Amino acid sequence: MSKKHMGSSIDDFLKERGSSKRQAQAVKEVVAWQLAQAMQEKKISKNRMATLLKTSRTQVDRLLDARNDITLSSLERAAAMVGRRVTIQLV
């Protein structure tokens, strides 16, 4: 992912690339699901994730809720905590 987008929200990033609202929502749902699955695999609770990210449990809930618009940098930090990285491609 380009560093120029790191402060951008997922919605802004996808809108810039011409995604429809429906496509953007689908991407966010998949990303939220993948993050939740990775947390389960690593046995990282929401409370533990909040501690690792130096944030609140509420913020972790926002990360895992596809209805929210989160920043790409927040997503990338969360992914790193579960040993993953963020790659978004529109094909």
PDB file of N, CA and C in Angstrom:
ATOM      1  N   MET A   1       0.844  -1.168   0.000  1.00  0.00           N
ATOM      2  CA  MET A   1       0.000   0.000   0.000  1.00  0.00           C
ATOM      3  C   MET A   1       0.890   1.233   0.000  1.00  0.00           C
ATOM      4  N   SER A   2       0.522   2.210  -0.725  1.00  0.00           N
ATOM      5  CA  SER A   2       1.264   3.452  -0.806  1.00  0.00           C
ATOM      6  C   SER A   2       1.204   4.194   0.522  1.00  0.00           C
ATOM      7  N   LYS A   3       2.344   4.722   0.958  1.00  0.00           N
ATOM      8  CA  LYS A   3       2.395   5.477   2.219  1.00  0.00           C
ATOM      9  C   LYS A   3       1.576   6.759   2.131  1.00  0.00           C
ATOM     10  N   LYS A   4       1.287   7.255   0.936  1.00  0.00           N
ATOM     11  CA  LYS A   4       0.528   8.499   0.808  1.00  0.00           C
ATOM     12  C   LYS A   4      -0.893   8.357   1.333  1.00  0.00           C
ATOM     13  N   HIS A   5      -1.377   7.134   1.458  1.00  0.00           N
ATOM     14  CA  HIS A   5      -2.747   6.898   1.913  1.00  0.00           C
ATOM     15  C   HIS A   5      -2.840   6.515   3.381  1.00  0.00           C
ATOM     16  N   MET A   6      -1.745   6.463   4.098  1.00  0.00           N
ATOM     17  CA  MET A   6      -1.753   5.927   5.451  1.00  0.00           C
ATOM     18  C   MET A   6      -2.683   6.684   6.395  1.00  0.00           C
ATOM     19  N   GLY A   7      -2.904   7.966   6.221  1.00  0.00           N
ATOM     20  CA  GLY A   7      -3.818   8.701   7.084  1.00  0.00           C
ATOM     21  C   GLY A   7      -5.241   8.725   6.562  1.00  0.00           C
ATOM     22  N   SER A   8      -5.428   8.179   5.390  1.00  0.00           N
ATOM     23  CA  SER A   8      -6.744   8.169   4.757  1.00  0.00           C
ATOM     24  C   SER A   8      -7.639   7.136   5.417  1.00  0.00           C
ATOM     25  N   SER A   9      -8.942   7.355   5.275  1.00  0.00           N
ATOM     26  CA  SER A   9      -9.878   6.333   5.731  1.00  0.00           C
ATOM     27  C   SER A   9     -10.042   5.317   4.613  1.00  0.00           C
ATOM     28  N   ILE A  10     -10.539   4.168   4.978  1.00  0.00           N
ATOM     29  CA  ILE A  10     -10.788   3.140   3.958  1.00  0.00           C
ATOM     30  C   ILE A  10     -11.793   3.658   2.940  1.00  0.00           C
ATOM     31  N   ASP A  11     -12.836   4.336   3.434  1.00  0.00           N
ATOM     32  CA  ASP A  11     -13.845   4.867   2.518  1.00  0.00           C
ATOM     33  C   ASP A  11     -13.232   5.843   1.521  1.00  0.00           C
ATOM     34  N   ASP A  12     -12.388   6.765   2.004  1.00  0.00           N
ATOM     35  CA  ASP A  12     -11.743   7.735   1.113  1.00  0.00           C
ATOM     36  C   ASP A  12     -10.851   7.035   0.098  1.00  0.00           C
ATOM     37  N   PHE A  13     -10.083   6.065   0.577  1.00  0.00           N
ATOM     38  CA  PHE A  13      -9.175   5.313  -0.278  1.00  0.00           C
ATOM     39  C   PHE A  13      -9.939   4.634  -1.416  1.00  0.00           C
ATOM     40  N   LEU A  14     -11.040   3.960  -1.061  1.00  0.00           N
ATOM     41  CA  LEU A  14     -11.810   3.243  -2.073  1.00  0.00           C
ATOM     42  C   LEU A  14     -12.570   4.189  -3.000  1.00  0.00           C
ATOM     43  N   LYS A  15     -13.070   5.286  -2.446  1.00  0.00           N
ATOM     44  CA  LYS A  15     -13.772   6.276  -3.271  1.00  0.00           C
ATOM     45  C   LYS A  15     -12.819   6.865  -4.314  1.00  0.00           C
ATOM     46  N   GLU A  16     -11.579   7.129  -3.887  1.00  0.00           N
ATOM     47  CA  GLU A  16     -10.575   7.689  -4.798  1.00  0.00           C
ATOM     48  C   GLU A  16     -10.312   6.754  -5.974  1.00  0.00           C
ATOM     49  N   ARG A  17     -10.495   5.480  -5.758  1.00  0.00           N
ATOM     50  CA  ARG A  17     -10.259   4.496  -6.796  1.00  0.00           C
ATOM     51  C   ARG A  17     -11.515   4.112  -7.561  1.00  0.00           C
ATOM     52  N   GLY A  18     -12.587   4.836  -7.312  1.00  0.00           N
ATOM     53  CA  GLY A  18     -13.793   4.630  -8.100  1.00  0.00           C
ATOM     54  C   GLY A  18     -14.697   3.509  -7.634  1.00  0.00           C
ATOM     55  N   SER A  19     -14.519   3.039  -6.414  1.00  0.00           N
ATOM     56  CA  SER A  19     -15.388   1.980  -5.902  1.00  0.00           C
ATOM     57  C   SER A  19     -16.757   2.541  -5.570  1.00  0.00           C
ATOM     58  N   SER A  20     -17.764   1.719  -5.769  1.00  0.00           N
ATOM     59  CA  SER A  20     -19.109   2.105  -5.364  1.00  0.00           C
ATOM     60  C   SER A  20     -19.235   1.922  -3.854  1.00  0.00           C
ATOM     61  N   LYS A  21     -20.298   2.476  -3.282  1.00  0.00           N
ATOM     62  CA  LYS A  21     -20.527   2.308  -1.846  1.00  0.00           C
ATOM     63  C   LYS A  21     -20.690   0.832  -1.498  1.00  0.00           C
ATOM     64  N   ARG A  22     -21.342   0.100  -2.378  1.00  0.00           N
ATOM     65  CA  ARG A  22     -21.552  -1.329  -2.158  1.00  0.00           C
ATOM     66  C   ARG A  22     -20.225  -2.086  -2.158  1.00  0.00           C
ATOM     67  N   GLN A  23     -19.354  -1.757  -3.106  1.00  0.00           N
ATOM     68  CA  GLN A  23     -18.045  -2.402  -3.161  1.00  0.00           C
ATOM     69  C   GLN A  23     -17.220  -2.056  -1.932  1.00  0.00           C
ATOM     70  N   ALA A  24     -17.255  -0.800  -1.540  1.00  0.00           N
ATOM     71  CA  ALA A  24     -16.503  -0.357  -0.369  1.00  0.00           C
ATOM     72  C   ALA A  24     -16.983  -1.087   0.881  1.00  0.00           C
ATOM     73  N   GLN A  25     -18.284  -1.227   1.030  1.00  0.00           N
ATOM     74  CA  GLN A  25     -18.828  -1.927   2.191  1.00  0.00           C
ATOM     75  C   GLN A  25     -18.389  -3.390   2.186  1.00  0.00           C
ATOM     76  N   ALA A  26     -18.393  -4.006   1.022  1.00  0.00           N
ATOM     77  CA  ALA A  26     -17.974  -5.407   0.920  1.00  0.00           C
ATOM     78  C   ALA A  26     -16.506  -5.566   1.318  1.00  0.00           C
ATOM     79  N   VAL A  27     -15.665  -4.656   0.859  1.00  0.00           N
ATOM     80  CA  VAL A  27     -14.244  -4.702   1.210  1.00  0.00           C
ATOM     81  C   VAL A  27     -14.082  -4.558   2.719  1.00  0.00           C
ATOM     82  N   LYS A  28     -14.786  -3.597   3.310  1.00  0.00           N
ATOM     83  CA  LYS A  28     -14.674  -3.372   4.748  1.00  0.00           C
ATOM     84  C   LYS A  28     -15.158  -4.589   5.538  1.00  0.00           C
ATOM     85  N   GLU A  29     -16.208  -5.246   5.074  1.00  0.00           N
ATOM     86  CA  GLU A  29     -16.710  -6.435   5.758  1.00  0.00           C
ATOM     87  C   GLU A  29     -15.691  -7.568   5.720  1.00  0.00           C
ATOM     88  N   VAL A  30     -15.063  -7.759   4.589  1.00  0.00           N
ATOM     89  CA  VAL A  30     -14.052  -8.815   4.467  1.00  0.00           C
ATOM     90  C   VAL A  30     -12.848  -8.503   5.351  1.00  0.00           C
ATOM     91  N   VAL A  31     -12.394  -7.267   5.338  1.00  0.00           N
ATOM     92  CA  VAL A  31     -11.235  -6.885   6.145  1.00  0.00           C
ATOM     93  C   VAL A  31     -11.541  -7.044   7.635  1.00  0.00           C
ATOM     94  N   ALA A  32     -12.704  -6.611   8.070  1.00  0.00           N
ATOM     95  CA  ALA A  32     -13.091  -6.751   9.481  1.00  0.00           C
ATOM     96  C   ALA A  32     -13.161  -8.228   9.862  1.00  0.00           C
ATOM     97  N   TRP A  33     -13.724  -9.052   9.000  1.00  0.00           N
ATOM     98  CA  TRP A  33     -13.817 -10.489   9.259  1.00  0.00           C
ATOM     99  C   TRP A  33     -12.426 -11.116   9.345  1.00  0.00           C
ATOM    100  N   GLN A  34     -11.545 -10.738   8.412  1.00  0.00           N
ATOM    101  CA  GLN A  34     -10.191 -11.294   8.418  1.00  0.00           C
ATOM    102  C   GLN A  34      -9.435 -10.904   9.686  1.00  0.00           C
ATOM    103  N   LEU A  35      -9.607  -9.676  10.126  1.00  0.00           N
ATOM    104  CA  LEU A  35      -8.945  -9.233  11.356  1.00  0.00           C
ATOM    105  C   LEU A  35      -9.477 -10.009  12.555  1.00  0.00           C
ATOM    106  N   ALA A  36     -10.786 -10.191  12.633  1.00  0.00           N
ATOM    107  CA  ALA A  36     -11.380 -10.951  13.729  1.00  0.00           C
ATOM    108  C   ALA A  36     -10.886 -12.402  13.714  1.00  0.00           C
ATOM    109  N   GLN A  37     -10.793 -13.002  12.525  1.00  0.00           N
ATOM    110  CA  GLN A  37     -10.301 -14.373  12.414  1.00  0.00           C
ATOM    111  C   GLN A  37      -8.844 -14.474  12.861  1.00  0.00           C
ATOM    112  N   ALA A  38      -8.028 -13.524  12.456  1.00  0.00           N
ATOM    113  CA  ALA A  38      -6.620 -13.528  12.850  1.00  0.00           C
ATOM    114  C   ALA A  38      -6.476 -13.371  14.367  1.00  0.00           C
ATOM    115  N   MET A  39      -7.329 -12.547  14.968  1.00  0.00           N
ATOM    116  CA  MET A  39      -7.303 -12.395  16.425  1.00  0.00           C
ATOM    117  C   MET A  39      -7.662 -13.713  17.095  1.00  0.00           C
ATOM    118  N   GLN A  40      -8.658 -14.410  16.562  1.00  0.00           N
ATOM    119  CA  GLN A  40      -9.046 -15.712  17.129  1.00  0.00           C
ATOM    120  C   GLN A  40      -7.906 -16.718  17.001  1.00  0.00           C
ATOM    121  N   GLU A  41      -7.271 -16.767  15.836  1.00  0.00           N
ATOM    122  CA  GLU A  41      -6.167 -17.697  15.608  1.00  0.00           C
ATOM    123  C   GLU A  41      -5.026 -17.455  16.581  1.00  0.00           C
ATOM    124  N   LYS A  42      -4.739 -16.188  16.846  1.00  0.00           N
ATOM    125  CA  LYS A  42      -3.647 -15.818  17.751  1.00  0.00           C
ATOM    126  C   LYS A  42      -4.093 -15.776  19.210  1.00  0.00           C
ATOM    127  N   LYS A  43      -5.385 -16.067  19.439  1.00  0.00           N
ATOM    128  CA  LYS A  43      -5.965 -16.036  20.777  1.00  0.00           C
ATOM    129  C   LYS A  43      -5.767 -14.671  21.453  1.00  0.00           C
ATOM    130  N   ILE A  44      -6.044 -13.626  20.673  1.00  0.00           N
ATOM    131  CA  ILE A  44      -5.949 -12.253  21.169  1.00  0.00           C
ATOM    132  C   ILE A  44      -7.366 -11.732  21.375  1.00  0.00           C
ATOM    133  N   SER A  45      -7.690 -11.431  22.610  1.00  0.00           N
ATOM    134  CA  SER A  45      -9.018 -10.896  22.929  1.00  0.00           C
ATOM    135  C   SER A  45      -9.090  -9.430  22.510  1.00  0.00           C
ATOM    136  N   LYS A  46     -10.287  -8.905  22.503  1.00  0.00           N
ATOM    137  CA  LYS A  46     -10.461  -7.484  22.185  1.00  0.00           C
ATOM    138  C   LYS A  46      -9.764  -6.615  23.228  1.00  0.00           C
ATOM    139  N   ASN A  47      -9.840  -7.022  24.484  1.00  0.00           N
ATOM    140  CA  ASN A  47      -9.155  -6.253  25.532  1.00  0.00           C
ATOM    141  C   ASN A  47      -7.647  -6.272  25.341  1.00  0.00           C
ATOM    142  N   ARG A  48      -7.104  -7.440  24.986  1.00  0.00           N
ATOM    143  CA  ARG A  48      -5.661  -7.550  24.752  1.00  0.00           C
ATOM    144  C   ARG A  48      -5.257  -6.733  23.531  1.00  0.00           C
ATOM    145  N   MET A  49      -6.063  -6.789  22.487  1.00  0.00           N
ATOM    146  CA  MET A  49      -5.772  -6.008  21.284  1.00  0.00           C
ATOM    147  C   MET A  49      -5.751  -4.525  21.621  1.00  0.00           C
ATOM    148  N   ALA A  50      -6.695  -4.081  22.439  1.00  0.00           N
ATOM    149  CA  ALA A  50      -6.725  -2.672  22.842  1.00  0.00           C
ATOM    150  C   ALA A  50      -5.439  -2.293  23.565  1.00  0.00           C
ATOM    151  N   THR A  51      -4.977  -3.171  24.430  1.00  0.00           N
ATOM    152  CA  THR A  51      -3.720  -2.918  25.150  1.00  0.00           C
ATOM    153  C   THR A  51      -2.547  -2.846  24.178  1.00  0.00           C
ATOM    154  N   LEU A  52      -2.479  -3.785  23.257  1.00  0.00           N
ATOM    155  CA  LEU A  52      -1.388  -3.807  22.275  1.00  0.00           C
ATOM    156  C   LEU A  52      -1.376  -2.554  21.407  1.00  0.00           C
ATOM    157  N   LEU A  53      -2.567  -2.072  21.061  1.00  0.00           N
ATOM    158  CA  LEU A  53      -2.682  -0.893  20.204  1.00  0.00           C
ATOM    159  C   LEU A  53      -2.649   0.415  20.994  1.00  0.00           C
ATOM    160  N   LYS A  54      -2.606   0.287  22.320  1.00  0.00           N
ATOM    161  CA  LYS A  54      -2.618   1.462  23.195  1.00  0.00           C
ATOM    162  C   LYS A  54      -3.855   2.321  22.923  1.00  0.00           C
ATOM    163  N   THR A  55      -4.987   1.639  22.923  1.00  0.00           N
ATOM    164  CA  THR A  55      -6.254   2.299  22.669  1.00  0.00           C
ATOM    165  C   THR A  55      -7.320   1.662  23.551  1.00  0.00           C
ATOM    166  N   SER A  56      -8.543   2.014  23.319  1.00  0.00           N
ATOM    167  CA  SER A  56      -9.640   1.489  24.131  1.00  0.00           C
ATOM    168  C   SER A  56     -10.285   0.272  23.465  1.00  0.00           C
ATOM    169  N   ARG A  57     -11.008  -0.464  24.261  1.00  0.00           N
ATOM    170  CA  ARG A  57     -11.770  -1.600  23.746  1.00  0.00           C
ATOM    171  C   ARG A  57     -12.796  -1.101  22.728  1.00  0.00           C
ATOM    172  N   THR A  58     -13.353   0.086  22.973  1.00  0.00           N
ATOM    173  CA  THR A  58     -14.331   0.670  22.050  1.00  0.00           C
ATOM    174  C   THR A  58     -13.715   0.870  20.665  1.00  0.00           C
ATOM    175  N   GLN A  59     -12.474   1.313  20.622  1.00  0.00           N
ATOM    176  CA  GLN A  59     -11.800   1.510  19.340  1.00  0.00           C
ATOM    177  C   GLN A  59     -11.595   0.176  18.616  1.00  0.00           C
ATOM    178  N   VAL A  60     -11.290  -0.860  19.371  1.00  0.00           N
ATOM    179  CA  VAL A  60     -11.136  -2.189  18.763  1.00  0.00           C
ATOM    180  C   VAL A  60     -12.480  -2.646  18.192  1.00  0.00           C
ATOM    181  N   ASP A  61     -13.554  -2.401  18.942  1.00  0.00           N
ATOM    182  CA  ASP A  61     -14.888  -2.724  18.420  1.00  0.00           C
ATOM    183  C   ASP A  61     -15.150  -1.985  17.111  1.00  0.00           C
ATOM    184  N   ARG A  62     -14.727  -0.731  17.018  1.00  0.00           N
ATOM    185  CA  ARG A  62     -14.900   0.044  15.780  1.00  0.00           C
ATOM    186  C   ARG A  62     -14.114  -0.587  14.633  1.00  0.00           C
ATOM    187  N   LEU A  63     -12.879  -1.045  14.926  1.00  0.00           N
ATOM    188  CA  LEU A  63     -12.063  -1.687  13.893  1.00  0.00           C
ATOM    189  C   LEU A  63     -12.754  -2.929  13.321  1.00  0.00           C
ATOM    190  N   LEU A  64     -13.465  -3.630  14.179  1.00  0.00           N
ATOM    191  CA  LEU A  64     -14.082  -4.892  13.778  1.00  0.00           C
ATOM    192  C   LEU A  64     -15.501  -4.732  13.247  1.00  0.00           C
ATOM    193  N   ASP A  65     -15.975  -3.508  13.196  1.00  0.00           N
ATOM    194  CA  ASP A  65     -17.332  -3.227  12.708  1.00  0.00           C
ATOM    195  C   ASP A  65     -17.237  -2.539  11.349  1.00  0.00           C
ATOM    196  N   ALA A  66     -17.620  -3.246  10.317  1.00  0.00           N
ATOM    197  CA  ALA A  66     -17.479  -2.746   8.943  1.00  0.00           C
ATOM    198  C   ALA A  66     -18.340  -1.520   8.659  1.00  0.00           C
ATOM    199  N   ARG A  67     -19.262  -1.202   9.550  1.00  0.00           N
ATOM    200  CA  ARG A  67     -20.080  -0.004   9.331  1.00  0.00           C
ATOM    201  C   ARG A  67     -19.306   1.274   9.644  1.00  0.00           C
ATOM    202  N   ASN A  68     -18.177   1.137  10.341  1.00  0.00           N
ATOM    203  CA  ASN A  68     -17.375   2.303  10.707  1.00  0.00           C
ATOM    204  C   ASN A  68     -16.349   2.613   9.631  1.00  0.00           C
ATOM    205  N   ASP A  69     -15.967   3.858   9.583  1.00  0.00           N
ATOM    206  CA  ASP A  69     -14.914   4.294   8.667  1.00  0.00           C
ATOM    207  C   ASP A  69     -13.652   4.490   9.487  1.00  0.00           C
ATOM    208  N   ILE A  70     -12.696   3.589   9.312  1.00  0.00           N
ATOM    209  CA  ILE A  70     -11.462   3.665  10.082  1.00  0.00           C
ATOM    210  C   ILE A  70     -10.315   4.082   9.169  1.00  0.00           C
ATOM    211  N   THR A  71      -9.227   4.547   9.770  1.00  0.00           N
ATOM    212  CA  THR A  71      -8.084   4.941   8.957  1.00  0.00           C
ATOM    213  C   THR A  71      -7.275   3.713   8.563  1.00  0.00           C
ATOM    214  N   LEU A  72      -6.620   3.841   7.447  1.00  0.00           N
ATOM    215  CA  LEU A  72      -5.763   2.754   6.986  1.00  0.00           C
ATOM    216  C   LEU A  72      -4.608   2.523   7.943  1.00  0.00           C
ATOM    217  N   SER A  73      -4.104   3.591   8.567  1.00  0.00           N
ATOM    218  CA  SER A  73      -3.005   3.410   9.513  1.00  0.00           C
ATOM    219  C   SER A  73      -3.463   2.616  10.731  1.00  0.00           C
ATOM    220  N   SER A  74      -4.679   2.842  11.198  1.00  0.00           N
ATOM    221  CA  SER A  74      -5.207   2.053  12.327  1.00  0.00           C
ATOM    222  C   SER A  74      -5.335   0.592  11.932  1.00  0.00           C
ATOM    223  N   LEU A  75      -5.833   0.363  10.755  1.00  0.00           N
ATOM    224  CA  LEU A  75      -5.985  -1.001  10.267  1.00  0.00           C
ATOM    225  C   LEU A  75      -4.626  -1.680  10.124  1.00  0.00           C
ATOM    226  N   GLU A  76      -3.664  -0.957   9.618  1.00  0.00           N
ATOM    227  CA  GLU A  76      -2.333  -1.528   9.437  1.00  0.00           C
ATOM    228  C   GLU A  76      -1.695  -1.864  10.783  1.00  0.00           C
ATOM    229  N   ARG A  77      -1.864  -1.004  11.770  1.00  0.00           N
ATOM    230  CA  ARG A  77      -1.336  -1.280  13.116  1.00  0.00           C
ATOM    231  C   ARG A  77      -1.994  -2.522  13.703  1.00  0.00           C
ATOM    232  N   ALA A  78      -3.304  -2.636  13.563  1.00  0.00           N
ATOM    233  CA  ALA A  78      -4.029  -3.791  14.087  1.00  0.00           C
ATOM    234  C   ALA A  78      -3.572  -5.071  13.381  1.00  0.00           C
ATOM    235  N   ALA A  79      -3.414  -5.006  12.086  1.00  0.00           N
ATOM    236  CA  ALA A  79      -2.965  -6.174  11.322  1.00  0.00           C
ATOM    237  C   ALA A  79      -1.577  -6.617  11.786  1.00  0.00           C
ATOM    238  N   ALA A  80      -0.707  -5.684  12.034  1.00  0.00           N
ATOM    239  CA  ALA A  80       0.643  -6.009  12.493  1.00  0.00           C
ATOM    240  C   ALA A  80       0.615  -6.743  13.831  1.00  0.00           C
ATOM    241  N   MET A  81      -0.332  -6.416  14.684  1.00  0.00           N
ATOM    242  CA  MET A  81      -0.440  -7.059  15.999  1.00  0.00           C
ATOM    243  C   MET A  81      -0.818  -8.533  15.898  1.00  0.00           C
ATOM    244  N   VAL A  82      -1.413  -8.917  14.788  1.00  0.00           N
ATOM    245  CA  VAL A  82      -1.780 -10.327  14.589  1.00  0.00           C
ATOM    246  C   VAL A  82      -0.893 -10.987  13.530  1.00  0.00           C
ATOM    247  N   GLY A  83       0.221 -10.331  13.210  1.00  0.00           N
ATOM    248  CA  GLY A  83       1.180 -10.909  12.282  1.00  0.00           C
ATOM    249  C   GLY A  83       0.772 -10.847  10.826  1.00  0.00           C
ATOM    250  N   ARG A  84      -0.061  -9.899  10.500  1.00  0.00           N
ATOM    251  CA  ARG A  84      -0.528  -9.736   9.113  1.00  0.00           C
ATOM    252  C   ARG A  84      -0.145  -8.349   8.599  1.00  0.00           C
ATOM    253  N   ARG A  85      -0.393  -8.129   7.328  1.00  0.00           N
ATOM    254  CA  ARG A  85      -0.204  -6.799   6.748  1.00  0.00           C
ATOM    255  C   ARG A  85      -1.392  -6.499   5.861  1.00  0.00           C
ATOM    256  N   VAL A  86      -1.596  -5.242   5.581  1.00  0.00           N
ATOM    257  CA  VAL A  86      -2.750  -4.812   4.788  1.00  0.00           C
ATOM    258  C   VAL A  86      -2.332  -4.603   3.348  1.00  0.00           C
ATOM    259  N   THR A  87      -3.058  -5.236   2.458  1.00  0.00           N
ATOM    260  CA  THR A  87      -2.878  -5.029   1.028  1.00  0.00           C
ATOM    261  C   THR A  87      -4.272  -4.910   0.432  1.00  0.00           C
ATOM    262  N   ILE A  88      -4.556  -3.771  -0.183  1.00  0.00           N
ATOM    263  CA  ILE A  88      -5.862  -3.568  -0.811  1.00  0.00           C
ATOM    264  C   ILE A  88      -5.622  -3.339  -2.287  1.00  0.00           C
ATOM    265  N   GLN A  89      -6.262  -4.158  -3.092  1.00  0.00           N
ATOM    266  CA  GLN A  89      -6.147  -4.025  -4.538  1.00  0.00           C
ATOM    267  C   GLN A  89      -7.526  -4.022  -5.155  1.00  0.00           C
ATOM    268  N   LEU A  90      -7.700  -3.170  -6.107  1.00  0.00           N
ATOM    269  CA  LEU A  90      -8.914  -3.190  -6.913  1.00  0.00           C
ATOM    270  C   LEU A  90      -8.515  -3.661  -8.297  1.00  0.00           C
ATOM    271  N   VAL A  91      -9.176  -4.683  -8.748  1.00  0.00           N
ATOM    272  CA  VAL A  91      -8.792  -5.286 -10.017  1.00  0.00           C
ATOM    273  C   VAL A  91      -9.905  -5.078 -11.020  1.00  0.00           C
TER     274      VAL A  91
END
